PDB file of all heavy atoms in Angstrom:
ATOM      1  N   TYR A   1      -1.100  -3.073   9.690  1.00  0.00           N
ATOM      2  CA  TYR A   1       0.221  -2.841   9.229  1.00  0.00           C
ATOM      3  C   TYR A   1       0.135  -2.523   7.728  1.00  0.00           C
ATOM      4  O   TYR A   1       0.856  -1.656   7.191  1.00  0.00           O
ATOM      5  CB  TYR A   1       0.972  -4.065   9.236  1.00  0.00           C
ATOM      6  CG  TYR A   1       2.149  -4.324   8.378  1.00  0.00           C
ATOM      7  CD1 TYR A   1       3.405  -3.709   8.690  1.00  0.00           C
ATOM      8  CD2 TYR A   1       1.984  -5.015   7.245  1.00  0.00           C
ATOM      9  CE1 TYR A   1       4.461  -3.847   7.794  1.00  0.00           C
ATOM     10  CE2 TYR A   1       3.168  -5.251   6.331  1.00  0.00           C
ATOM     11  CZ  TYR A   1       4.288  -4.641   6.607  1.00  0.00           C
ATOM     12  OH  TYR A   1       5.328  -4.767   5.712  1.00  0.00           O
ATOM     13  N   SER A   2      -0.791  -3.116   7.012  1.00  0.00           N
ATOM     14  CA  SER A   2      -0.755  -3.011   5.404  1.00  0.00           C
ATOM     15  C   SER A   2      -1.057  -1.624   4.960  1.00  0.00           C
ATOM     16  O   SER A   2      -0.583  -1.287   3.885  1.00  0.00           O
ATOM     17  CB  SER A   2      -1.645  -4.018   4.770  1.00  0.00           C
ATOM     18  OG  SER A   2      -3.057  -3.851   5.112  1.00  0.00           O
ATOM     19  N   LEU A   3      -1.845  -0.839   5.739  1.00  0.00           N
ATOM     20  CA  LEU A   3      -2.228   0.382   5.135  1.00  0.00           C
ATOM     21  C   LEU A   3      -1.110   1.360   5.078  1.00  0.00           C
ATOM     22  O   LEU A   3      -0.685   2.018   4.072  1.00  0.00           O
ATOM     23  CB  LEU A   3      -3.472   1.044   5.928  1.00  0.00           C
ATOM     24  CG  LEU A   3      -4.281   2.040   5.014  1.00  0.00           C
ATOM     25  CD1 LEU A   3      -5.735   2.109   5.627  1.00  0.00           C
ATOM     26  CD2 LEU A   3      -3.698   3.469   5.054  1.00  0.00           C
ATOM     27  N   PRO A   4      -0.460   1.523   6.177  1.00  0.00           N
ATOM     28  CA  PRO A   4       0.792   2.465   6.088  1.00  0.00           C
ATOM     29  C   PRO A   4       1.975   1.764   5.317  1.00  0.00           C
ATOM     30  O   PRO A   4       2.821   2.478   4.586  1.00  0.00           O
ATOM     31  CB  PRO A   4       1.391   2.584   7.421  1.00  0.00           C
ATOM     32  CG  PRO A   4       0.668   1.575   8.214  1.00  0.00           C
ATOM     33  CD  PRO A   4      -0.697   1.300   7.560  1.00  0.00           C
ATOM     34  N   ALA A   5       2.002   0.453   5.221  1.00  0.00           N
ATOM     35  CA  ALA A   5       2.992  -0.262   4.206  1.00  0.00           C
ATOM     36  C   ALA A   5       2.643   0.026   2.881  1.00  0.00           C
ATOM     37  O   ALA A   5       3.505   0.191   2.056  1.00  0.00           O
ATOM     38  CB  ALA A   5       2.898  -1.749   4.590  1.00  0.00           C
ATOM     39  N   ALA A   6       1.347   0.248   2.518  1.00  0.00           N
ATOM     40  CA  ALA A   6       1.011   0.576   1.211  1.00  0.00           C
ATOM     41  C   ALA A   6       1.509   2.006   0.769  1.00  0.00           C
ATOM     42  O   ALA A   6       1.855   2.193  -0.425  1.00  0.00           O
ATOM     43  CB  ALA A   6      -0.480   0.377   0.919  1.00  0.00           C
ATOM     44  N   PHE A   7       1.400   2.842   1.770  1.00  0.00           N
ATOM     45  CA  PHE A   7       1.966   4.130   1.495  1.00  0.00           C
ATOM     46  C   PHE A   7       3.463   4.115   1.314  1.00  0.00           C
ATOM     47  O   PHE A   7       4.072   4.695   0.367  1.00  0.00           O
ATOM     48  CB  PHE A   7       1.633   5.044   2.819  1.00  0.00           C
ATOM     49  CG  PHE A   7       2.408   6.369   2.795  1.00  0.00           C
ATOM     50  CD1 PHE A   7       2.304   7.232   1.736  1.00  0.00           C
ATOM     51  CD2 PHE A   7       3.138   6.743   3.926  1.00  0.00           C
ATOM     52  CE1 PHE A   7       3.020   8.449   1.838  1.00  0.00           C
ATOM     53  CE2 PHE A   7       3.826   7.920   3.918  1.00  0.00           C
ATOM     54  CZ  PHE A   7       3.623   8.819   2.923  1.00  0.00           C
ATOM     55  N   GLY A   8       4.142   3.330   1.975  1.00  0.00           N
ATOM     56  CA  GLY A   8       5.669   3.006   1.870  1.00  0.00           C
ATOM     57  C   GLY A   8       5.904   2.435   0.514  1.00  0.00           C
ATOM     58  O   GLY A   8       6.884   2.805  -0.197  1.00  0.00           O
ATOM     59  N   ALA A   9       5.178   1.382   0.223  1.00  0.00           N
ATOM     60  CA  ALA A   9       5.393   0.758  -1.159  1.00  0.00           C
ATOM     61  C   ALA A   9       5.110   1.619  -2.219  1.00  0.00           C
ATOM     62  O   ALA A   9       5.869   1.552  -3.202  1.00  0.00           O
ATOM     63  CB  ALA A   9       4.429  -0.592  -1.188  1.00  0.00           C
ATOM     64  N   GLN A  10       4.110   2.345  -2.344  1.00  0.00           N
ATOM     65  CA  GLN A  10       3.791   3.318  -3.411  1.00  0.00           C
ATOM     66  C   GLN A  10       4.900   4.523  -3.533  1.00  0.00           C
ATOM     67  O   GLN A  10       5.233   4.996  -4.570  1.00  0.00           O
ATOM     68  CB  GLN A  10       2.456   4.087  -3.157  1.00  0.00           C
ATOM     69  CG  GLN A  10       1.940   4.810  -4.408  1.00  0.00           C
ATOM     70  CD  GLN A  10       1.567   4.040  -5.592  1.00  0.00           C
ATOM     71  OE1 GLN A  10       0.222   3.796  -5.668  1.00  0.00           O
ATOM     72  NE2 GLN A  10       2.389   3.538  -6.405  1.00  0.00           N
ATOM     73  N   THR A  11       5.354   4.862  -2.353  1.00  0.00           N
ATOM     74  CA  THR A  11       6.569   5.870  -2.219  1.00  0.00           C
ATOM     75  C   THR A  11       7.791   5.241  -2.921  1.00  0.00           C
ATOM     76  O   THR A  11       8.448   5.872  -3.745  1.00  0.00           O
ATOM     77  CB  THR A  11       6.870   6.313  -0.713  1.00  0.00           C
ATOM     78  OG1 THR A  11       5.697   6.879  -0.197  1.00  0.00           O
ATOM     79  CG2 THR A  11       7.982   7.218  -0.785  1.00  0.00           C
ATOM     80  N   ALA A  12       8.015   3.927  -2.569  1.00  0.00           N
ATOM     81  CA  ALA A  12       9.235   3.228  -3.225  1.00  0.00           C
ATOM     82  C   ALA A  12       9.032   2.980  -4.646  1.00  0.00           C
ATOM     83  O   ALA A  12      10.034   2.970  -5.413  1.00  0.00           O
ATOM     84  CB  ALA A  12       9.427   1.979  -2.501  1.00  0.00           C
ATOM     85  N   ALA A  13       7.786   2.758  -5.136  1.00  0.00           N
ATOM     86  CA  ALA A  13       7.585   2.349  -6.475  1.00  0.00           C
ATOM     87  C   ALA A  13       6.383   3.063  -7.074  1.00  0.00           C
ATOM     88  O   ALA A  13       5.352   2.485  -7.267  1.00  0.00           O
ATOM     89  CB  ALA A  13       7.264   0.772  -6.551  1.00  0.00           C
ATOM     90  N   PRO A  14       6.540   4.309  -7.262  1.00  0.00           N
ATOM     91  CA  PRO A  14       5.375   5.127  -7.781  1.00  0.00           C
ATOM     92  C   PRO A  14       4.931   4.856  -9.154  1.00  0.00           C
ATOM     93  O   PRO A  14       3.749   5.130  -9.529  1.00  0.00           O
ATOM     94  CB  PRO A  14       6.046   6.624  -7.798  1.00  0.00           C
ATOM     95  CG  PRO A  14       7.572   6.386  -7.815  1.00  0.00           C
ATOM     96  CD  PRO A  14       7.772   5.097  -7.144  1.00  0.00           C
ATOM     97  N   GLU A  15       5.758   3.906  -9.903  1.00  0.00           N
ATOM     98  CA  GLU A  15       5.245   3.657 -11.278  1.00  0.00           C
ATOM     99  C   GLU A  15       4.425   2.363 -11.284  1.00  0.00           C
ATOM    100  O   GLU A  15       3.789   2.107 -12.302  1.00  0.00           O
ATOM    101  CB  GLU A  15       6.518   3.397 -12.162  1.00  0.00           C
ATOM    102  CG  GLU A  15       7.237   2.177 -11.905  1.00  0.00           C
ATOM    103  CD  GLU A  15       8.131   2.127 -10.584  1.00  0.00           C
ATOM    104  OE1 GLU A  15       8.125   3.175  -9.835  1.00  0.00           O
ATOM    105  OE2 GLU A  15       8.613   1.032 -10.308  1.00  0.00           O
ATOM    106  N   ARG A  16       4.303   1.639 -10.070  1.00  0.00           N
ATOM    107  CA  ARG A  16       3.539   0.465 -10.062  1.00  0.00           C
ATOM    108  C   ARG A  16       2.105   0.672  -9.633  1.00  0.00           C
ATOM    109  O   ARG A  16       1.899   1.588  -8.762  1.00  0.00           O
ATOM    110  CB  ARG A  16       4.263  -0.596  -9.382  1.00  0.00           C
ATOM    111  CG  ARG A  16       5.654  -0.878  -9.893  1.00  0.00           C
ATOM    112  CD  ARG A  16       6.372  -1.926  -8.998  1.00  0.00           C
ATOM    113  NE  ARG A  16       5.837  -3.228  -8.968  1.00  0.00           N
ATOM    114  CZ  ARG A  16       6.415  -4.178  -8.277  1.00  0.00           C
ATOM    115  NH1 ARG A  16       7.614  -4.068  -7.626  1.00  0.00           N
ATOM    116  NH2 ARG A  16       5.722  -5.564  -8.220  1.00  0.00           N
ATOM    117  N   ARG A  17       1.177  -0.296  -9.866  1.00  0.00           N
ATOM    118  CA  ARG A  17      -0.194  -0.193  -9.417  1.00  0.00           C
ATOM    119  C   ARG A  17      -0.112  -0.949  -8.064  1.00  0.00           C
ATOM    120  O   ARG A  17       0.274  -2.022  -7.941  1.00  0.00           O
ATOM    121  CB  ARG A  17      -1.108  -0.965 -10.353  1.00  0.00           C
ATOM    122  CG  ARG A  17      -2.604  -0.781  -9.876  1.00  0.00           C
ATOM    123  CD  ARG A  17      -3.559  -1.285 -10.762  1.00  0.00           C
ATOM    124  NE  ARG A  17      -3.618  -2.744 -11.057  1.00  0.00           N
ATOM    125  CZ  ARG A  17      -4.623  -3.403 -11.288  1.00  0.00           C
ATOM    126  NH1 ARG A  17      -5.747  -2.796 -11.720  1.00  0.00           N
ATOM    127  NH2 ARG A  17      -4.526  -4.753 -11.441  1.00  0.00           N
ATOM    128  N   VAL A  18      -0.462  -0.229  -6.949  1.00  0.00           N
ATOM    129  CA  VAL A  18      -0.405  -0.758  -5.678  1.00  0.00           C
ATOM    130  C   VAL A  18      -1.920  -1.061  -5.293  1.00  0.00           C
ATOM    131  O   VAL A  18      -2.800  -0.281  -5.407  1.00  0.00           O
ATOM    132  CB  VAL A  18       0.069   0.200  -4.637  1.00  0.00           C
ATOM    133  CG1 VAL A  18      -0.246  -0.278  -3.174  1.00  0.00           C
ATOM    134  CG2 VAL A  18       1.629   0.371  -4.867  1.00  0.00           C
ATOM    135  N   ILE A  19      -2.163  -2.351  -4.861  1.00  0.00           N
ATOM    136  CA  ILE A  19      -3.538  -2.808  -4.580  1.00  0.00           C
ATOM    137  C   ILE A  19      -3.490  -3.293  -3.055  1.00  0.00           C
ATOM    138  O   ILE A  19      -2.696  -4.182  -2.726  1.00  0.00           O
ATOM    139  CB  ILE A  19      -3.925  -3.966  -5.464  1.00  0.00           C
ATOM    140  CG1 ILE A  19      -4.130  -3.470  -6.946  1.00  0.00           C
ATOM    141  CG2 ILE A  19      -5.232  -4.515  -4.882  1.00  0.00           C
ATOM    142  CD1 ILE A  19      -4.354  -4.693  -7.879  1.00  0.00           C
ATOM    143  N   LEU A  20      -4.245  -2.561  -2.275  1.00  0.00           N
ATOM    144  CA  LEU A  20      -4.255  -2.942  -0.760  1.00  0.00           C
ATOM    145  C   LEU A  20      -5.562  -3.461  -0.506  1.00  0.00           C
ATOM    146  O   LEU A  20      -6.593  -3.021  -0.849  1.00  0.00           O
ATOM    147  CB  LEU A  20      -4.116  -1.541   0.027  1.00  0.00           C
ATOM    148  CG  LEU A  20      -4.543  -1.618   1.414  1.00  0.00           C
ATOM    149  CD1 LEU A  20      -3.544  -2.567   2.193  1.00  0.00           C
ATOM    150  CD2 LEU A  20      -4.455  -0.299   2.173  1.00  0.00           C
ATOM    151  N   ILE A  21      -5.477  -4.727   0.193  1.00  0.00           N
ATOM    152  CA  ILE A  21      -6.627  -5.469   0.498  1.00  0.00           C
ATOM    153  C   ILE A  21      -6.571  -5.526   2.088  1.00  0.00           C
ATOM    154  O   ILE A  21      -5.687  -6.112   2.648  1.00  0.00           O
ATOM    155  CB  ILE A  21      -6.822  -6.719  -0.088  1.00  0.00           C
ATOM    156  CG1 ILE A  21      -6.659  -6.689  -1.521  1.00  0.00           C
ATOM    157  CG2 ILE A  21      -8.136  -7.487   0.313  1.00  0.00           C
ATOM    158  CD1 ILE A  21      -6.498  -7.964  -2.205  1.00  0.00           C
ATOM    159  N   THR A  22      -7.626  -4.884   2.835  1.00  0.00           N
ATOM    160  CA  THR A  22      -7.551  -4.782   4.373  1.00  0.00           C
ATOM    161  C   THR A  22      -8.910  -4.967   4.800  1.00  0.00           C
ATOM    162  O   THR A  22      -9.864  -4.614   4.214  1.00  0.00           O
ATOM    163  CB  THR A  22      -6.949  -3.495   4.663  1.00  0.00           C
ATOM    164  OG1 THR A  22      -6.819  -3.485   6.185  1.00  0.00           O
ATOM    165  CG2 THR A  22      -7.677  -2.238   4.278  1.00  0.00           C
ATOM    166  N   GLY A  23      -8.947  -5.587   6.060  1.00  0.00           N
ATOM    167  CA  GLY A  23     -10.213  -5.706   6.636  1.00  0.00           C
ATOM    168  C   GLY A  23     -10.667  -4.293   7.328  1.00  0.00           C
ATOM    169  O   GLY A  23      -9.975  -3.416   7.531  1.00  0.00           O
ATOM    170  N   ASP A  24     -11.987  -4.272   7.623  1.00  0.00           N
ATOM    171  CA  ASP A  24     -12.464  -2.935   8.200  1.00  0.00           C
ATOM    172  C   ASP A  24     -11.881  -2.658   9.625  1.00  0.00           C
ATOM    173  O   ASP A  24     -11.661  -1.557   9.885  1.00  0.00           O
ATOM    174  CB  ASP A  24     -14.036  -2.971   8.345  1.00  0.00           C
ATOM    175  CG  ASP A  24     -14.713  -4.245   8.887  1.00  0.00           C
ATOM    176  OD1 ASP A  24     -13.935  -5.178   9.192  1.00  0.00           O
ATOM    177  OD2 ASP A  24     -15.801  -4.260   9.058  1.00  0.00           O
ATOM    178  N   GLY A  25     -11.760  -3.779  10.451  1.00  0.00           N
ATOM    179  CA  GLY A  25     -11.153  -3.624  11.699  1.00  0.00           C
ATOM    180  C   GLY A  25      -9.590  -3.225  11.641  1.00  0.00           C
ATOM    181  O   GLY A  25      -9.277  -2.317  12.367  1.00  0.00           O
TER     182      GLY A  25
END
């Protein structure tokens, strides 16, 4: 879930630093 959610979060807040932490699986 978190990888596409990071895309959405950065789209919503382009001025903020987005840090995504996800497992390889």
